[in-house]
Amino acid sequence: MRVRGDRLVHRVGGVLLGLGFLLLGSFSAFMPGVPAGSPGRDRAIWLGITLIVIGAIAIIGSLTVKNPDQIWCRHPRRWGRFR
């Protein structure tokens, strides 16, 4: 994997999104505010783990993909095409 440095606005935006997911996921996984043994705690922990994985994928994808426009930006609709 090669870290790419072009299109910094899109890459930094993707990294910030990934860091947001990591922050929210770590807070949810490691600091749940419910008593131990309740189903809410298990859900909070697994939600946190899921968000941590998504954040890591977003950061790695933002830094290594060749064209970040295909991941983070929606392509404009063209006249006459309604797909």
N, C-alpha and C. Protein backbone atom coordinates (compact mmCIF):
# COMPACT_ATOMS: atom_id res chain seq x y z
N MET A 1 0.84 -1.18 0.00
CA MET A 1 0.00 0.00 0.00
C MET A 1 0.87 1.24 0.00
N ARG A 2 0.49 2.17 -0.81
CA ARG A 2 1.24 3.40 -0.93
C ARG A 2 0.38 4.56 -0.44
N VAL A 3 0.91 5.39 0.41
CA VAL A 3 0.20 6.58 0.88
C VAL A 3 0.34 7.65 -0.18
N ARG A 4 -0.77 8.20 -0.61
CA ARG A 4 -0.76 9.20 -1.67
C ARG A 4 -0.99 10.58 -1.09
N GLY A 5 -0.45 11.60 -1.74
CA GLY A 5 -0.53 12.96 -1.22
C GLY A 5 -1.27 13.94 -2.09
N ASP A 6 -1.83 13.49 -3.20
CA ASP A 6 -2.58 14.41 -4.05
C ASP A 6 -4.02 14.54 -3.55
N ARG A 7 -4.72 15.55 -4.01
CA ARG A 7 -6.12 15.82 -3.62
C ARG A 7 -6.27 15.85 -2.10
N LEU A 8 -5.52 16.73 -1.50
CA LEU A 8 -5.45 16.79 -0.04
C LEU A 8 -6.78 17.14 0.61
N VAL A 9 -7.62 17.93 -0.05
CA VAL A 9 -8.90 18.31 0.56
C VAL A 9 -9.76 17.08 0.77
N HIS A 10 -9.86 16.22 -0.23
CA HIS A 10 -10.66 15.01 -0.09
C HIS A 10 -10.03 14.03 0.89
N ARG A 11 -8.73 13.92 0.83
CA ARG A 11 -8.06 12.97 1.74
C ARG A 11 -8.16 13.42 3.20
N VAL A 12 -7.96 14.70 3.45
CA VAL A 12 -8.06 15.20 4.82
C VAL A 12 -9.50 15.09 5.32
N GLY A 13 -10.46 15.37 4.44
CA GLY A 13 -11.86 15.20 4.82
C GLY A 13 -12.19 13.77 5.19
N GLY A 14 -11.69 12.81 4.42
CA GLY A 14 -11.91 11.40 4.73
C GLY A 14 -11.24 10.98 6.02
N VAL A 15 -10.03 11.50 6.25
CA VAL A 15 -9.32 11.18 7.49
C VAL A 15 -10.07 11.77 8.69
N LEU A 16 -10.58 12.99 8.56
CA LEU A 16 -11.34 13.59 9.66
C LEU A 16 -12.63 12.83 9.93
N LEU A 17 -13.29 12.36 8.88
CA LEU A 17 -14.48 11.54 9.06
C LEU A 17 -14.12 10.24 9.79
N GLY A 18 -13.03 9.61 9.37
CA GLY A 18 -12.57 8.39 10.04
C GLY A 18 -12.19 8.63 11.48
N LEU A 19 -11.55 9.76 11.77
CA LEU A 19 -11.20 10.08 13.16
C LEU A 19 -12.45 10.32 14.00
N GLY A 20 -13.47 10.92 13.39
CA GLY A 20 -14.74 11.10 14.10
C GLY A 20 -15.37 9.76 14.45
N PHE A 21 -15.35 8.83 13.51
CA PHE A 21 -15.87 7.49 13.80
C PHE A 21 -15.05 6.80 14.88
N LEU A 22 -13.72 6.95 14.82
CA LEU A 22 -12.87 6.35 15.85
C LEU A 22 -13.14 6.95 17.23
N LEU A 23 -13.31 8.26 17.29
CA LEU A 23 -13.58 8.91 18.57
C LEU A 23 -14.92 8.48 19.14
N LEU A 24 -15.95 8.49 18.32
CA LEU A 24 -17.27 8.08 18.80
C LEU A 24 -17.29 6.60 19.16
N GLY A 25 -16.62 5.79 18.37
CA GLY A 25 -16.56 4.36 18.66
C GLY A 25 -15.79 4.05 19.93
N SER A 26 -14.69 4.74 20.15
CA SER A 26 -13.93 4.48 21.38
C SER A 26 -14.69 4.95 22.60
N PHE A 27 -15.39 6.06 22.49
CA PHE A 27 -16.21 6.51 23.62
C PHE A 27 -17.32 5.51 23.90
N SER A 28 -17.95 5.01 22.85
CA SER A 28 -19.06 4.07 23.04
C SER A 28 -18.57 2.72 23.56
N ALA A 29 -17.41 2.26 23.12
CA ALA A 29 -16.93 0.94 23.52
C ALA A 29 -16.32 0.94 24.91
N PHE A 30 -15.62 2.01 25.28
CA PHE A 30 -14.87 1.98 26.52
C PHE A 30 -15.51 2.76 27.67
N MET A 31 -16.51 3.58 27.39
CA MET A 31 -17.13 4.37 28.44
C MET A 31 -18.65 4.31 28.40
N PRO A 32 -19.24 3.13 28.33
CA PRO A 32 -20.71 3.09 28.35
C PRO A 32 -21.24 3.49 29.72
N GLY A 33 -22.30 4.27 29.72
CA GLY A 33 -22.84 4.78 30.98
C GLY A 33 -23.97 3.96 31.54
N VAL A 34 -23.98 2.66 31.26
CA VAL A 34 -25.03 1.79 31.78
C VAL A 34 -24.39 0.74 32.69
N PRO A 35 -25.16 0.19 33.61
CA PRO A 35 -24.58 -0.81 34.54
C PRO A 35 -24.08 -2.06 33.81
N ALA A 36 -23.11 -2.72 34.42
CA ALA A 36 -22.55 -3.93 33.85
C ALA A 36 -23.59 -5.04 33.83
N GLY A 37 -23.57 -5.83 32.78
CA GLY A 37 -24.47 -6.97 32.67
C GLY A 37 -25.79 -6.66 31.98
N SER A 38 -26.06 -5.42 31.68
CA SER A 38 -27.32 -5.10 31.02
C SER A 38 -27.16 -5.21 29.50
N PRO A 39 -28.26 -5.46 28.79
CA PRO A 39 -28.15 -5.57 27.33
C PRO A 39 -27.71 -4.27 26.67
N GLY A 40 -28.01 -3.13 27.28
CA GLY A 40 -27.59 -1.85 26.72
C GLY A 40 -26.09 -1.70 26.68
N ARG A 41 -25.40 -2.23 27.67
CA ARG A 41 -23.93 -2.15 27.70
C ARG A 41 -23.33 -2.97 26.56
N ASP A 42 -23.87 -4.19 26.35
CA ASP A 42 -23.37 -5.02 25.25
C ASP A 42 -23.59 -4.34 23.91
N ARG A 43 -24.74 -3.72 23.73
CA ARG A 43 -25.00 -3.02 22.47
C ARG A 43 -24.06 -1.84 22.29
N ALA A 44 -23.79 -1.11 23.36
CA ALA A 44 -22.89 0.03 23.27
C ALA A 44 -21.47 -0.42 22.92
N ILE A 45 -21.03 -1.50 23.50
CA ILE A 45 -19.69 -2.00 23.22
C ILE A 45 -19.57 -2.45 21.77
N TRP A 46 -20.56 -3.20 21.27
CA TRP A 46 -20.48 -3.68 19.89
C TRP A 46 -20.66 -2.56 18.89
N LEU A 47 -21.47 -1.57 19.21
CA LEU A 47 -21.57 -0.40 18.34
C LEU A 47 -20.22 0.31 18.28
N GLY A 48 -19.57 0.45 19.43
CA GLY A 48 -18.26 1.09 19.47
C GLY A 48 -17.22 0.33 18.66
N ILE A 49 -17.22 -0.99 18.76
CA ILE A 49 -16.27 -1.78 17.97
C ILE A 49 -16.54 -1.62 16.48
N THR A 50 -17.82 -1.61 16.11
CA THR A 50 -18.17 -1.42 14.70
C THR A 50 -17.72 -0.06 14.19
N LEU A 51 -17.93 0.99 14.97
CA LEU A 51 -17.51 2.32 14.56
C LEU A 51 -15.99 2.45 14.48
N ILE A 52 -15.28 1.77 15.35
CA ILE A 52 -13.81 1.78 15.29
C ILE A 52 -13.33 1.13 14.00
N VAL A 53 -13.93 0.01 13.62
CA VAL A 53 -13.55 -0.67 12.38
C VAL A 53 -13.87 0.22 11.17
N ILE A 54 -15.06 0.84 11.16
CA ILE A 54 -15.43 1.72 10.05
C ILE A 54 -14.48 2.92 9.97
N GLY A 55 -14.11 3.48 11.11
CA GLY A 55 -13.17 4.60 11.12
C GLY A 55 -11.81 4.22 10.58
N ALA A 56 -11.33 3.04 10.94
CA ALA A 56 -10.03 2.59 10.43
C ALA A 56 -10.09 2.37 8.92
N ILE A 57 -11.19 1.80 8.43
CA ILE A 57 -11.34 1.59 6.99
C ILE A 57 -11.40 2.94 6.26
N ALA A 58 -12.09 3.93 6.84
CA ALA A 58 -12.18 5.25 6.21
C ALA A 58 -10.82 5.92 6.13
N ILE A 59 -10.03 5.82 7.18
CA ILE A 59 -8.71 6.45 7.18
C ILE A 59 -7.78 5.76 6.19
N ILE A 60 -7.75 4.44 6.21
CA ILE A 60 -6.88 3.70 5.29
C ILE A 60 -7.31 3.93 3.85
N GLY A 61 -8.62 3.91 3.61
CA GLY A 61 -9.11 4.14 2.26
C GLY A 61 -8.82 5.54 1.76
N SER A 62 -8.94 6.52 2.64
CA SER A 62 -8.68 7.90 2.23
C SER A 62 -7.23 8.13 1.86
N LEU A 63 -6.33 7.46 2.53
CA LEU A 63 -4.92 7.70 2.29
C LEU A 63 -4.31 6.83 1.19
N THR A 64 -4.94 5.72 0.85
CA THR A 64 -4.29 4.80 -0.08
C THR A 64 -4.98 4.65 -1.42
N VAL A 65 -6.23 5.04 -1.54
CA VAL A 65 -6.93 4.84 -2.82
C VAL A 65 -6.41 5.84 -3.85
N LYS A 66 -6.39 5.44 -5.11
CA LYS A 66 -5.82 6.28 -6.16
C LYS A 66 -6.68 7.51 -6.44
N ASN A 67 -8.01 7.35 -6.49
CA ASN A 67 -8.91 8.46 -6.81
C ASN A 67 -9.97 8.59 -5.70
N PRO A 68 -9.76 9.47 -4.73
CA PRO A 68 -10.72 9.58 -3.62
C PRO A 68 -12.06 10.18 -4.03
N ASP A 69 -12.13 10.78 -5.23
CA ASP A 69 -13.41 11.31 -5.69
C ASP A 69 -14.44 10.21 -5.89
N GLN A 70 -14.00 9.01 -6.20
CA GLN A 70 -14.93 7.91 -6.41
C GLN A 70 -15.48 7.36 -5.11
N ILE A 71 -14.87 7.68 -3.99
CA ILE A 71 -15.35 7.20 -2.70
C ILE A 71 -16.19 8.25 -1.99
N TRP A 72 -15.67 9.47 -1.85
CA TRP A 72 -16.28 10.45 -0.98
C TRP A 72 -17.18 11.46 -1.69
N CYS A 73 -17.17 11.52 -3.00
CA CYS A 73 -17.95 12.53 -3.72
C CYS A 73 -18.97 11.86 -4.62
N ARG A 74 -20.17 12.41 -4.62
CA ARG A 74 -21.21 11.90 -5.50
C ARG A 74 -21.02 12.52 -6.88
N HIS A 75 -21.12 11.71 -7.91
CA HIS A 75 -20.98 12.22 -9.26
C HIS A 75 -22.23 13.00 -9.65
N PRO A 76 -22.07 14.09 -10.38
CA PRO A 76 -23.24 14.89 -10.77
C PRO A 76 -24.10 14.14 -11.78
N ARG A 77 -25.40 14.39 -11.71
CA ARG A 77 -26.31 13.77 -12.67
C ARG A 77 -26.18 14.49 -14.01
N ARG A 78 -26.29 13.76 -15.05
CA ARG A 78 -26.21 14.32 -16.39
C ARG A 78 -27.62 14.46 -16.95
N TRP A 79 -27.79 15.47 -17.80
CA TRP A 79 -29.09 15.68 -18.44
C TRP A 79 -29.41 14.48 -19.32
N GLY A 80 -30.61 13.98 -19.21
CA GLY A 80 -31.06 12.89 -20.06
C GLY A 80 -30.80 11.51 -19.49
N ARG A 81 -30.05 11.41 -18.41
CA ARG A 81 -29.80 10.12 -17.76
C ARG A 81 -30.49 10.11 -16.40
N PHE A 82 -31.39 9.17 -16.21
CA PHE A 82 -32.15 9.12 -14.96
C PHE A 82 -31.91 7.80 -14.23
N ARG A 83 -30.70 7.30 -14.27
CA ARG A 83 -30.38 6.07 -13.57
C ARG A 83 -29.89 6.34 -12.19
